Amino acid sequence: MRTCVGCRGVTAKRELVRIVRTLEGKVEVDPTGKKSGRGAYICPRYHCWEEALKKDRLARALRTTIGPQERQALLAYAQSFKEKVAS
């Protein structure tokens, strides 16, 4: 069981998307859930991704700062969840 940093809901690890701060300090999506580094989990809902980034919850969970390019890349990834809901 893991907690979503966006909505604070607790759910199974496999139902969440893992975000990792790599050993090089980059923040990226970890689709396999096996990359080395500090991880945090977010629900596959666009609203959770917005909350996690807007309120710096993700940065706090990863103990880093998230740059504008990384933030844009994460929101672009989250767009796929927004489109699934609209369909």
N, C-alpha and C. Protein backbone atom coordinates (compact mmCIF):
# COMPACT_ATOMS: atom_id res chain seq x y z
N MET A 1 0.84 -1.18 0.00
CA MET A 1 0.00 0.00 0.00
C MET A 1 0.89 1.25 0.00
N ARG A 2 0.50 2.23 -0.81
CA ARG A 2 1.24 3.48 -0.91
C ARG A 2 0.26 4.65 -0.86
N THR A 3 0.77 5.82 -0.53
CA THR A 3 -0.05 7.03 -0.45
C THR A 3 0.25 7.93 -1.63
N CYS A 4 -0.78 8.41 -2.29
CA CYS A 4 -0.65 9.36 -3.39
C CYS A 4 -0.27 10.72 -2.81
N VAL A 5 0.78 11.35 -3.36
CA VAL A 5 1.19 12.66 -2.85
C VAL A 5 0.24 13.76 -3.30
N GLY A 6 -0.63 13.48 -4.26
CA GLY A 6 -1.59 14.48 -4.73
C GLY A 6 -2.83 14.55 -3.87
N CYS A 7 -3.52 13.41 -3.71
CA CYS A 7 -4.80 13.40 -2.99
C CYS A 7 -4.69 12.79 -1.59
N ARG A 8 -3.54 12.21 -1.26
CA ARG A 8 -3.30 11.56 0.02
C ARG A 8 -4.11 10.27 0.20
N GLY A 9 -4.66 9.75 -0.90
CA GLY A 9 -5.39 8.48 -0.83
C GLY A 9 -4.42 7.31 -0.76
N VAL A 10 -4.81 6.27 -0.05
CA VAL A 10 -3.96 5.09 0.09
C VAL A 10 -4.53 3.99 -0.81
N THR A 11 -3.67 3.42 -1.65
CA THR A 11 -4.09 2.36 -2.56
C THR A 11 -2.92 1.42 -2.84
N ALA A 12 -3.19 0.39 -3.60
CA ALA A 12 -2.14 -0.59 -3.92
C ALA A 12 -1.05 0.05 -4.77
N LYS A 13 0.17 -0.38 -4.54
CA LYS A 13 1.34 0.17 -5.22
C LYS A 13 1.20 0.08 -6.74
N ARG A 14 0.68 -1.02 -7.24
CA ARG A 14 0.58 -1.23 -8.69
C ARG A 14 -0.45 -0.33 -9.38
N GLU A 15 -1.34 0.26 -8.61
CA GLU A 15 -2.36 1.15 -9.18
C GLU A 15 -1.88 2.59 -9.27
N LEU A 16 -0.68 2.88 -8.76
CA LEU A 16 -0.14 4.23 -8.76
C LEU A 16 1.03 4.35 -9.73
N VAL A 17 1.38 5.57 -10.08
CA VAL A 17 2.52 5.84 -10.95
C VAL A 17 3.67 6.30 -10.07
N ARG A 18 4.83 5.71 -10.25
CA ARG A 18 6.00 6.06 -9.44
C ARG A 18 6.79 7.17 -10.13
N ILE A 19 7.15 8.17 -9.36
CA ILE A 19 8.04 9.24 -9.80
C ILE A 19 9.32 9.06 -9.01
N VAL A 20 10.45 9.19 -9.67
CA VAL A 20 11.73 8.94 -9.00
C VAL A 20 12.68 10.11 -9.17
N ARG A 21 13.43 10.40 -8.11
CA ARG A 21 14.57 11.31 -8.20
C ARG A 21 15.77 10.41 -8.38
N THR A 22 16.36 10.45 -9.57
CA THR A 22 17.46 9.55 -9.88
C THR A 22 18.71 9.92 -9.09
N LEU A 23 19.69 9.07 -9.16
CA LEU A 23 20.95 9.32 -8.47
C LEU A 23 21.65 10.56 -9.03
N GLU A 24 21.34 10.91 -10.29
CA GLU A 24 21.90 12.13 -10.90
C GLU A 24 21.13 13.38 -10.49
N GLY A 25 19.99 13.22 -9.81
CA GLY A 25 19.21 14.36 -9.36
C GLY A 25 18.06 14.75 -10.28
N LYS A 26 17.83 13.99 -11.35
CA LYS A 26 16.72 14.27 -12.27
C LYS A 26 15.44 13.67 -11.72
N VAL A 27 14.32 14.34 -11.98
CA VAL A 27 13.01 13.84 -11.58
C VAL A 27 12.30 13.33 -12.82
N GLU A 28 11.87 12.07 -12.80
CA GLU A 28 11.23 11.49 -13.98
C GLU A 28 10.26 10.39 -13.59
N VAL A 29 9.38 10.05 -14.53
CA VAL A 29 8.41 8.98 -14.33
C VAL A 29 9.15 7.65 -14.41
N ASP A 30 8.79 6.74 -13.53
CA ASP A 30 9.39 5.40 -13.51
C ASP A 30 8.31 4.37 -13.82
N PRO A 31 8.08 4.07 -15.10
CA PRO A 31 6.99 3.15 -15.46
C PRO A 31 7.21 1.72 -14.95
N THR A 32 8.46 1.31 -14.76
CA THR A 32 8.75 -0.04 -14.28
C THR A 32 8.64 -0.13 -12.77
N GLY A 33 8.83 0.98 -12.08
CA GLY A 33 8.82 0.97 -10.62
C GLY A 33 10.07 0.40 -10.01
N LYS A 34 11.14 0.28 -10.82
CA LYS A 34 12.36 -0.37 -10.34
C LYS A 34 13.61 0.49 -10.44
N LYS A 35 13.49 1.73 -10.90
CA LYS A 35 14.68 2.57 -11.02
C LYS A 35 15.24 2.91 -9.65
N SER A 36 16.54 3.06 -9.61
CA SER A 36 17.20 3.44 -8.37
C SER A 36 16.93 4.91 -8.06
N GLY A 37 16.77 5.23 -6.80
CA GLY A 37 16.55 6.60 -6.39
C GLY A 37 15.36 6.71 -5.45
N ARG A 38 15.14 7.90 -4.97
CA ARG A 38 14.03 8.16 -4.05
C ARG A 38 12.73 8.26 -4.85
N GLY A 39 11.70 7.56 -4.42
CA GLY A 39 10.45 7.52 -5.16
C GLY A 39 9.28 8.12 -4.41
N ALA A 40 8.27 8.50 -5.19
CA ALA A 40 6.99 8.96 -4.66
C ALA A 40 5.92 8.45 -5.62
N TYR A 41 4.70 8.37 -5.14
CA TYR A 41 3.62 7.79 -5.93
C TYR A 41 2.48 8.78 -6.13
N ILE A 42 1.88 8.72 -7.33
CA ILE A 42 0.74 9.59 -7.66
C ILE A 42 -0.31 8.75 -8.37
N CYS A 43 -1.59 9.01 -8.06
CA CYS A 43 -2.70 8.33 -8.73
C CYS A 43 -2.69 8.65 -10.22
N PRO A 44 -3.23 7.77 -11.03
CA PRO A 44 -3.32 8.06 -12.46
C PRO A 44 -4.52 8.94 -12.79
N ARG A 45 -4.62 10.07 -12.09
CA ARG A 45 -5.66 11.08 -12.36
C ARG A 45 -4.98 12.42 -12.49
N TYR A 46 -5.38 13.17 -13.50
CA TYR A 46 -4.73 14.46 -13.78
C TYR A 46 -4.80 15.40 -12.58
N HIS A 47 -5.93 15.41 -11.90
CA HIS A 47 -6.10 16.30 -10.75
C HIS A 47 -5.03 16.04 -9.68
N CYS A 48 -4.72 14.79 -9.43
CA CYS A 48 -3.69 14.45 -8.43
C CYS A 48 -2.33 14.99 -8.85
N TRP A 49 -2.02 14.90 -10.14
CA TRP A 49 -0.73 15.39 -10.64
C TRP A 49 -0.65 16.90 -10.49
N GLU A 50 -1.75 17.60 -10.79
CA GLU A 50 -1.78 19.07 -10.63
C GLU A 50 -1.54 19.45 -9.17
N GLU A 51 -2.24 18.78 -8.27
CA GLU A 51 -2.10 19.08 -6.85
C GLU A 51 -0.69 18.81 -6.36
N ALA A 52 -0.14 17.68 -6.77
CA ALA A 52 1.21 17.30 -6.32
C ALA A 52 2.26 18.31 -6.79
N LEU A 53 2.08 18.86 -7.98
CA LEU A 53 3.06 19.81 -8.51
C LEU A 53 2.78 21.24 -8.04
N LYS A 54 1.50 21.61 -8.00
CA LYS A 54 1.14 22.98 -7.63
C LYS A 54 1.52 23.29 -6.18
N LYS A 55 1.28 22.36 -5.31
CA LYS A 55 1.54 22.60 -3.88
C LYS A 55 2.91 22.08 -3.44
N ASP A 56 3.76 21.75 -4.40
CA ASP A 56 5.12 21.25 -4.15
C ASP A 56 5.17 20.02 -3.26
N ARG A 57 4.09 19.25 -3.24
CA ARG A 57 4.07 18.02 -2.45
C ARG A 57 5.05 17.00 -3.02
N LEU A 58 5.13 16.94 -4.35
CA LEU A 58 6.03 15.98 -4.98
C LEU A 58 7.48 16.34 -4.68
N ALA A 59 7.82 17.60 -4.79
CA ALA A 59 9.19 18.04 -4.50
C ALA A 59 9.56 17.73 -3.06
N ARG A 60 8.63 17.93 -2.15
CA ARG A 60 8.88 17.67 -0.73
C ARG A 60 9.07 16.16 -0.50
N ALA A 61 8.25 15.34 -1.16
CA ALA A 61 8.35 13.89 -0.99
C ALA A 61 9.67 13.36 -1.55
N LEU A 62 10.14 13.98 -2.64
CA LEU A 62 11.39 13.54 -3.25
C LEU A 62 12.61 14.24 -2.65
N ARG A 63 12.36 15.20 -1.77
CA ARG A 63 13.43 15.97 -1.12
C ARG A 63 14.34 16.64 -2.14
N THR A 64 13.72 17.36 -3.07
CA THR A 64 14.45 18.06 -4.12
C THR A 64 13.60 19.22 -4.63
N THR A 65 14.16 20.00 -5.54
CA THR A 65 13.37 21.00 -6.24
C THR A 65 13.13 20.49 -7.65
N ILE A 66 11.97 20.79 -8.17
CA ILE A 66 11.61 20.34 -9.52
C ILE A 66 11.69 21.54 -10.44
N GLY A 67 12.57 21.45 -11.42
CA GLY A 67 12.77 22.54 -12.37
C GLY A 67 11.60 22.69 -13.33
N PRO A 68 11.53 23.83 -14.03
CA PRO A 68 10.43 24.07 -14.96
C PRO A 68 10.33 23.03 -16.07
N GLN A 69 11.46 22.57 -16.59
CA GLN A 69 11.41 21.57 -17.66
C GLN A 69 10.90 20.24 -17.16
N GLU A 70 11.33 19.84 -15.97
CA GLU A 70 10.86 18.59 -15.39
C GLU A 70 9.37 18.68 -15.07
N ARG A 71 8.95 19.84 -14.56
CA ARG A 71 7.53 20.06 -14.25
C ARG A 71 6.67 19.94 -15.51
N GLN A 72 7.15 20.54 -16.61
CA GLN A 72 6.42 20.47 -17.88
C GLN A 72 6.36 19.03 -18.38
N ALA A 73 7.45 18.29 -18.26
CA ALA A 73 7.48 16.89 -18.70
C ALA A 73 6.50 16.04 -17.90
N LEU A 74 6.43 16.27 -16.59
CA LEU A 74 5.50 15.52 -15.75
C LEU A 74 4.05 15.85 -16.09
N LEU A 75 3.75 17.13 -16.31
CA LEU A 75 2.39 17.52 -16.69
C LEU A 75 2.02 16.98 -18.06
N ALA A 76 2.99 16.92 -18.97
CA ALA A 76 2.73 16.36 -20.30
C ALA A 76 2.40 14.87 -20.17
N TYR A 77 3.11 14.17 -19.30
CA TYR A 77 2.82 12.76 -19.05
C TYR A 77 1.42 12.61 -18.46
N ALA A 78 1.05 13.50 -17.56
CA ALA A 78 -0.26 13.44 -16.90
C ALA A 78 -1.40 13.75 -17.86
N GLN A 79 -1.13 14.42 -18.96
CA GLN A 79 -2.17 14.72 -19.96
C GLN A 79 -2.83 13.45 -20.45
N SER A 80 -2.10 12.35 -20.52
CA SER A 80 -2.68 11.09 -20.99
C SER A 80 -3.82 10.64 -20.06
N PHE A 81 -3.72 10.93 -18.79
CA PHE A 81 -4.79 10.56 -17.84
C PHE A 81 -6.00 11.46 -18.05
N LYS A 82 -5.77 12.71 -18.37
CA LYS A 82 -6.85 13.66 -18.61
C LYS A 82 -7.64 13.24 -19.84
N GLU A 83 -6.95 12.78 -20.89
CA GLU A 83 -7.60 12.37 -22.12
C GLU A 83 -8.41 11.09 -21.94
N LYS A 84 -7.96 10.17 -21.08
CA LYS A 84 -8.70 8.93 -20.83
C LYS A 84 -10.05 9.23 -20.19
N VAL A 85 -10.09 10.22 -19.31
CA VAL A 85 -11.34 10.58 -18.64
C VAL A 85 -12.31 11.21 -19.64
N ALA A 86 -11.79 12.03 -20.56
CA ALA A 86 -12.63 12.71 -21.53
C ALA A 86 -13.24 11.73 -22.54
N SER A 87 -12.60 10.61 -22.77
CA SER A 87 -13.08 9.63 -23.77
C SER A 87 -14.32 8.92 -23.34
